[in-house]
Amino acid sequence: MKNIDIDKLSLDELMKLNAAIVRRIKHLQAHFNIERMSKFNKGDKVSFQPPDRDVLFGMITRVNQKSVTVFTESGETWSLGPEVLTIVKDVNRPLKFDL
């Protein structure tokens, strides 16, 4: 990694460096989000635990650019980030939907 002594940079140089850093961070975050979202598909069974609630189980009904829409067994619809979801791999556990 290249060392940069920021104390010796002018205001203009610091602003250009900041802009370059922000661009790089956004690029890395976008790549990470694409990778994370690619693990989910419509119809996948998932679980998640909202704050102060028991674990909820549901099925993905839509994969958006930054979030996943989940329809739960209790009939609720949640829009969630992929970081809170866990794929349910137990095929012997059927989902109980209130239809």
N, C-alpha and C. Protein backbone atom coordinates (compact mmCIF):
# COMPACT_ATOMS: atom_id res chain seq x y z
N MET A 1 0.84 -1.18 0.00
CA MET A 1 0.00 0.00 0.00
C MET A 1 0.88 1.24 0.00
N LYS A 2 0.50 2.18 -0.79
CA LYS A 2 1.26 3.42 -0.90
C LYS A 2 0.94 4.34 0.28
N ASN A 3 1.96 4.86 0.93
CA ASN A 3 1.76 5.78 2.04
C ASN A 3 1.62 7.20 1.52
N ILE A 4 0.61 7.89 2.02
CA ILE A 4 0.38 9.28 1.64
C ILE A 4 0.38 10.11 2.92
N ASP A 5 1.23 11.11 2.97
CA ASP A 5 1.26 12.01 4.12
C ASP A 5 0.22 13.09 3.89
N ILE A 6 -0.97 12.90 4.46
CA ILE A 6 -2.06 13.84 4.20
C ILE A 6 -1.81 15.22 4.79
N ASP A 7 -0.91 15.30 5.75
CA ASP A 7 -0.60 16.61 6.34
C ASP A 7 0.10 17.53 5.34
N LYS A 8 0.66 16.96 4.30
CA LYS A 8 1.38 17.76 3.31
C LYS A 8 0.54 18.08 2.07
N LEU A 9 -0.70 17.59 2.04
CA LEU A 9 -1.56 17.83 0.89
C LEU A 9 -2.32 19.15 1.04
N SER A 10 -2.56 19.79 -0.09
CA SER A 10 -3.35 21.02 -0.10
C SER A 10 -4.83 20.66 0.03
N LEU A 11 -5.65 21.65 0.25
CA LEU A 11 -7.09 21.42 0.34
C LEU A 11 -7.62 20.80 -0.95
N ASP A 12 -7.19 21.30 -2.09
CA ASP A 12 -7.62 20.77 -3.38
C ASP A 12 -7.22 19.30 -3.53
N GLU A 13 -5.99 18.98 -3.15
CA GLU A 13 -5.51 17.59 -3.24
C GLU A 13 -6.29 16.69 -2.29
N LEU A 14 -6.59 17.18 -1.09
CA LEU A 14 -7.38 16.39 -0.13
C LEU A 14 -8.79 16.13 -0.66
N MET A 15 -9.38 17.12 -1.30
CA MET A 15 -10.73 16.95 -1.85
C MET A 15 -10.73 15.94 -2.99
N LYS A 16 -9.71 15.97 -3.83
CA LYS A 16 -9.60 14.99 -4.92
C LYS A 16 -9.37 13.59 -4.37
N LEU A 17 -8.54 13.49 -3.34
CA LEU A 17 -8.29 12.19 -2.70
C LEU A 17 -9.57 11.66 -2.08
N ASN A 18 -10.31 12.53 -1.40
CA ASN A 18 -11.57 12.13 -0.79
C ASN A 18 -12.55 11.63 -1.84
N ALA A 19 -12.67 12.34 -2.94
CA ALA A 19 -13.58 11.92 -4.01
C ALA A 19 -13.18 10.56 -4.57
N ALA A 20 -11.88 10.33 -4.73
CA ALA A 20 -11.40 9.04 -5.23
C ALA A 20 -11.71 7.92 -4.24
N ILE A 21 -11.55 8.21 -2.96
CA ILE A 21 -11.83 7.20 -1.93
C ILE A 21 -13.32 6.87 -1.91
N VAL A 22 -14.17 7.87 -1.97
CA VAL A 22 -15.61 7.64 -1.97
C VAL A 22 -16.04 6.82 -3.18
N ARG A 23 -15.49 7.14 -4.37
CA ARG A 23 -15.80 6.36 -5.58
C ARG A 23 -15.41 4.90 -5.40
N ARG A 24 -14.23 4.67 -4.84
CA ARG A 24 -13.74 3.30 -4.65
C ARG A 24 -14.61 2.53 -3.66
N ILE A 25 -14.98 3.19 -2.56
CA ILE A 25 -15.84 2.54 -1.57
C ILE A 25 -17.18 2.18 -2.19
N LYS A 26 -17.78 3.08 -2.94
CA LYS A 26 -19.07 2.80 -3.58
C LYS A 26 -18.96 1.65 -4.57
N HIS A 27 -17.86 1.60 -5.31
CA HIS A 27 -17.63 0.51 -6.26
C HIS A 27 -17.54 -0.83 -5.52
N LEU A 28 -16.76 -0.86 -4.44
CA LEU A 28 -16.61 -2.10 -3.68
C LEU A 28 -17.92 -2.53 -3.03
N GLN A 29 -18.68 -1.57 -2.51
CA GLN A 29 -19.97 -1.90 -1.90
C GLN A 29 -20.94 -2.44 -2.94
N ALA A 30 -20.97 -1.85 -4.11
CA ALA A 30 -21.86 -2.32 -5.17
C ALA A 30 -21.50 -3.75 -5.57
N HIS A 31 -20.22 -4.03 -5.72
CA HIS A 31 -19.77 -5.38 -6.06
C HIS A 31 -20.16 -6.37 -4.96
N PHE A 32 -19.96 -5.98 -3.70
CA PHE A 32 -20.29 -6.83 -2.57
C PHE A 32 -21.80 -7.10 -2.54
N ASN A 33 -22.62 -6.06 -2.77
CA ASN A 33 -24.07 -6.23 -2.76
C ASN A 33 -24.55 -7.16 -3.87
N ILE A 34 -23.97 -7.03 -5.06
CA ILE A 34 -24.33 -7.92 -6.17
C ILE A 34 -24.01 -9.36 -5.81
N GLU A 35 -22.84 -9.57 -5.23
CA GLU A 35 -22.42 -10.91 -4.84
C GLU A 35 -23.36 -11.48 -3.77
N ARG A 36 -23.71 -10.66 -2.79
CA ARG A 36 -24.58 -11.09 -1.70
C ARG A 36 -25.99 -11.38 -2.22
N MET A 37 -26.50 -10.54 -3.10
CA MET A 37 -27.86 -10.72 -3.61
C MET A 37 -27.97 -11.92 -4.54
N SER A 38 -26.88 -12.30 -5.18
CA SER A 38 -26.91 -13.42 -6.13
C SER A 38 -27.15 -14.75 -5.43
N LYS A 39 -27.06 -14.78 -4.12
CA LYS A 39 -27.27 -16.02 -3.37
C LYS A 39 -28.75 -16.32 -3.15
N PHE A 40 -29.62 -15.35 -3.48
CA PHE A 40 -31.05 -15.51 -3.22
C PHE A 40 -31.84 -15.52 -4.52
N ASN A 41 -32.89 -16.35 -4.52
CA ASN A 41 -33.77 -16.47 -5.69
C ASN A 41 -35.22 -16.47 -5.23
N LYS A 42 -36.09 -16.02 -6.11
CA LYS A 42 -37.52 -16.07 -5.84
C LYS A 42 -37.90 -17.52 -5.54
N GLY A 43 -38.66 -17.72 -4.46
CA GLY A 43 -39.08 -19.06 -4.07
C GLY A 43 -38.22 -19.69 -3.00
N ASP A 44 -37.06 -19.12 -2.72
CA ASP A 44 -36.20 -19.66 -1.66
C ASP A 44 -36.90 -19.54 -0.31
N LYS A 45 -36.74 -20.57 0.52
CA LYS A 45 -37.26 -20.52 1.89
C LYS A 45 -36.17 -19.93 2.77
N VAL A 46 -36.55 -18.95 3.59
CA VAL A 46 -35.57 -18.24 4.41
C VAL A 46 -36.11 -18.06 5.83
N SER A 47 -35.19 -17.72 6.72
CA SER A 47 -35.56 -17.33 8.08
C SER A 47 -34.82 -16.06 8.44
N PHE A 48 -35.37 -15.34 9.41
CA PHE A 48 -34.72 -14.13 9.93
C PHE A 48 -35.33 -13.83 11.29
N GLN A 49 -34.62 -13.05 12.09
CA GLN A 49 -35.12 -12.72 13.42
C GLN A 49 -35.18 -11.21 13.61
N PRO A 50 -36.39 -10.65 13.58
CA PRO A 50 -36.52 -9.22 13.85
C PRO A 50 -36.20 -8.93 15.31
N PRO A 51 -35.83 -7.70 15.63
CA PRO A 51 -35.55 -7.34 17.02
C PRO A 51 -36.76 -7.62 17.92
N ASP A 52 -36.52 -8.21 19.06
CA ASP A 52 -37.54 -8.49 20.07
C ASP A 52 -38.66 -9.41 19.59
N ARG A 53 -38.36 -10.27 18.62
CA ARG A 53 -39.35 -11.23 18.12
C ARG A 53 -38.69 -12.58 17.93
N ASP A 54 -39.52 -13.61 17.84
CA ASP A 54 -39.02 -14.94 17.54
C ASP A 54 -38.58 -15.00 16.08
N VAL A 55 -37.87 -16.05 15.75
CA VAL A 55 -37.43 -16.27 14.37
C VAL A 55 -38.66 -16.42 13.48
N LEU A 56 -38.64 -15.77 12.33
CA LEU A 56 -39.72 -15.88 11.35
C LEU A 56 -39.23 -16.67 10.14
N PHE A 57 -40.15 -17.43 9.56
CA PHE A 57 -39.85 -18.21 8.37
C PHE A 57 -40.72 -17.70 7.24
N GLY A 58 -40.17 -17.72 6.04
CA GLY A 58 -40.95 -17.27 4.91
C GLY A 58 -40.34 -17.67 3.59
N MET A 59 -40.92 -17.13 2.53
CA MET A 59 -40.46 -17.43 1.18
C MET A 59 -40.18 -16.12 0.46
N ILE A 60 -39.10 -16.10 -0.29
CA ILE A 60 -38.75 -14.92 -1.07
C ILE A 60 -39.73 -14.78 -2.22
N THR A 61 -40.34 -13.60 -2.31
CA THR A 61 -41.28 -13.35 -3.40
C THR A 61 -40.69 -12.41 -4.44
N ARG A 62 -39.62 -11.72 -4.07
CA ARG A 62 -38.98 -10.80 -5.01
C ARG A 62 -37.56 -10.51 -4.56
N VAL A 63 -36.65 -10.48 -5.51
CA VAL A 63 -35.27 -10.08 -5.25
C VAL A 63 -35.07 -8.73 -5.93
N ASN A 64 -34.90 -7.71 -5.13
CA ASN A 64 -34.71 -6.35 -5.63
C ASN A 64 -33.21 -6.07 -5.77
N GLN A 65 -32.87 -4.85 -6.11
CA GLN A 65 -31.46 -4.51 -6.28
C GLN A 65 -30.71 -4.50 -4.96
N LYS A 66 -31.34 -3.99 -3.90
CA LYS A 66 -30.67 -3.88 -2.60
C LYS A 66 -31.36 -4.63 -1.48
N SER A 67 -32.55 -5.16 -1.74
CA SER A 67 -33.30 -5.84 -0.70
C SER A 67 -34.03 -7.04 -1.27
N VAL A 68 -34.56 -7.84 -0.35
CA VAL A 68 -35.30 -9.04 -0.70
C VAL A 68 -36.68 -8.93 -0.06
N THR A 69 -37.73 -9.22 -0.81
CA THR A 69 -39.08 -9.21 -0.25
C THR A 69 -39.43 -10.63 0.18
N VAL A 70 -39.87 -10.76 1.44
CA VAL A 70 -40.18 -12.07 2.01
C VAL A 70 -41.62 -12.07 2.50
N PHE A 71 -42.38 -13.11 2.13
CA PHE A 71 -43.72 -13.33 2.64
C PHE A 71 -43.62 -14.40 3.71
N THR A 72 -44.01 -14.05 4.95
CA THR A 72 -43.82 -14.96 6.08
C THR A 72 -45.01 -15.90 6.25
N GLU A 73 -44.80 -16.91 7.07
CA GLU A 73 -45.86 -17.88 7.37
C GLU A 73 -47.08 -17.20 8.00
N SER A 74 -46.85 -16.12 8.74
CA SER A 74 -47.96 -15.43 9.41
C SER A 74 -48.66 -14.43 8.49
N GLY A 75 -48.23 -14.35 7.22
CA GLY A 75 -48.89 -13.49 6.26
C GLY A 75 -48.33 -12.09 6.15
N GLU A 76 -47.21 -11.83 6.81
CA GLU A 76 -46.58 -10.52 6.74
C GLU A 76 -45.64 -10.45 5.54
N THR A 77 -45.47 -9.25 5.01
CA THR A 77 -44.50 -9.02 3.94
C THR A 77 -43.41 -8.13 4.50
N TRP A 78 -42.16 -8.56 4.35
CA TRP A 78 -41.01 -7.82 4.84
C TRP A 78 -40.07 -7.52 3.68
N SER A 79 -39.49 -6.35 3.70
CA SER A 79 -38.43 -5.99 2.77
C SER A 79 -37.15 -5.91 3.58
N LEU A 80 -36.21 -6.80 3.29
CA LEU A 80 -35.03 -6.97 4.14
C LEU A 80 -33.74 -6.95 3.34
N GLY A 81 -32.69 -6.55 4.01
CA GLY A 81 -31.36 -6.66 3.44
C GLY A 81 -30.92 -8.12 3.50
N PRO A 82 -30.14 -8.56 2.56
CA PRO A 82 -29.74 -9.97 2.52
C PRO A 82 -28.90 -10.40 3.71
N GLU A 83 -28.29 -9.45 4.40
CA GLU A 83 -27.42 -9.79 5.53
C GLU A 83 -28.18 -10.37 6.71
N VAL A 84 -29.51 -10.19 6.78
CA VAL A 84 -30.28 -10.71 7.91
C VAL A 84 -30.97 -12.03 7.59
N LEU A 85 -30.87 -12.48 6.35
CA LEU A 85 -31.57 -13.70 5.92
C LEU A 85 -30.67 -14.93 5.97
N THR A 86 -31.30 -16.04 6.32
CA THR A 86 -30.63 -17.34 6.29
C THR A 86 -31.48 -18.27 5.43
N ILE A 87 -30.86 -18.91 4.47
CA ILE A 87 -31.57 -19.89 3.64
C ILE A 87 -31.94 -21.08 4.53
N VAL A 88 -33.20 -21.53 4.43
CA VAL A 88 -33.65 -22.70 5.19
C VAL A 88 -33.37 -23.91 4.33
N LYS A 89 -32.47 -24.76 4.81
CA LYS A 89 -32.06 -25.93 4.02
C LYS A 89 -32.81 -27.19 4.42
N ASP A 90 -33.57 -27.13 5.52
CA ASP A 90 -34.30 -28.30 5.99
C ASP A 90 -35.54 -28.49 5.12
N VAL A 91 -35.42 -29.36 4.12
CA VAL A 91 -36.53 -29.58 3.19
C VAL A 91 -37.69 -30.31 3.87
N ASN A 92 -37.45 -30.89 5.06
CA ASN A 92 -38.51 -31.59 5.78
C ASN A 92 -39.36 -30.63 6.60
N ARG A 93 -38.98 -29.34 6.63
CA ARG A 93 -39.76 -28.36 7.37
C ARG A 93 -40.60 -27.56 6.38
N PRO A 94 -41.85 -27.96 6.17
CA PRO A 94 -42.69 -27.21 5.24
C PRO A 94 -43.08 -25.87 5.85
N LEU A 95 -43.23 -24.86 5.01
CA LEU A 95 -43.71 -23.56 5.49
C LEU A 95 -45.21 -23.63 5.66
N LYS A 96 -45.70 -22.97 6.71
CA LYS A 96 -47.13 -22.95 6.99
C LYS A 96 -47.66 -21.56 6.66
N PHE A 97 -48.23 -21.41 5.50
CA PHE A 97 -48.76 -20.12 5.09
C PHE A 97 -50.24 -20.03 5.39
N ASP A 98 -50.64 -18.89 5.95
CA ASP A 98 -52.06 -18.60 6.18
C ASP A 98 -52.62 -17.98 4.91
N LEU A 99 -53.25 -18.76 4.10
CA LEU A 99 -53.79 -18.25 2.83
C LEU A 99 -55.29 -18.09 2.92
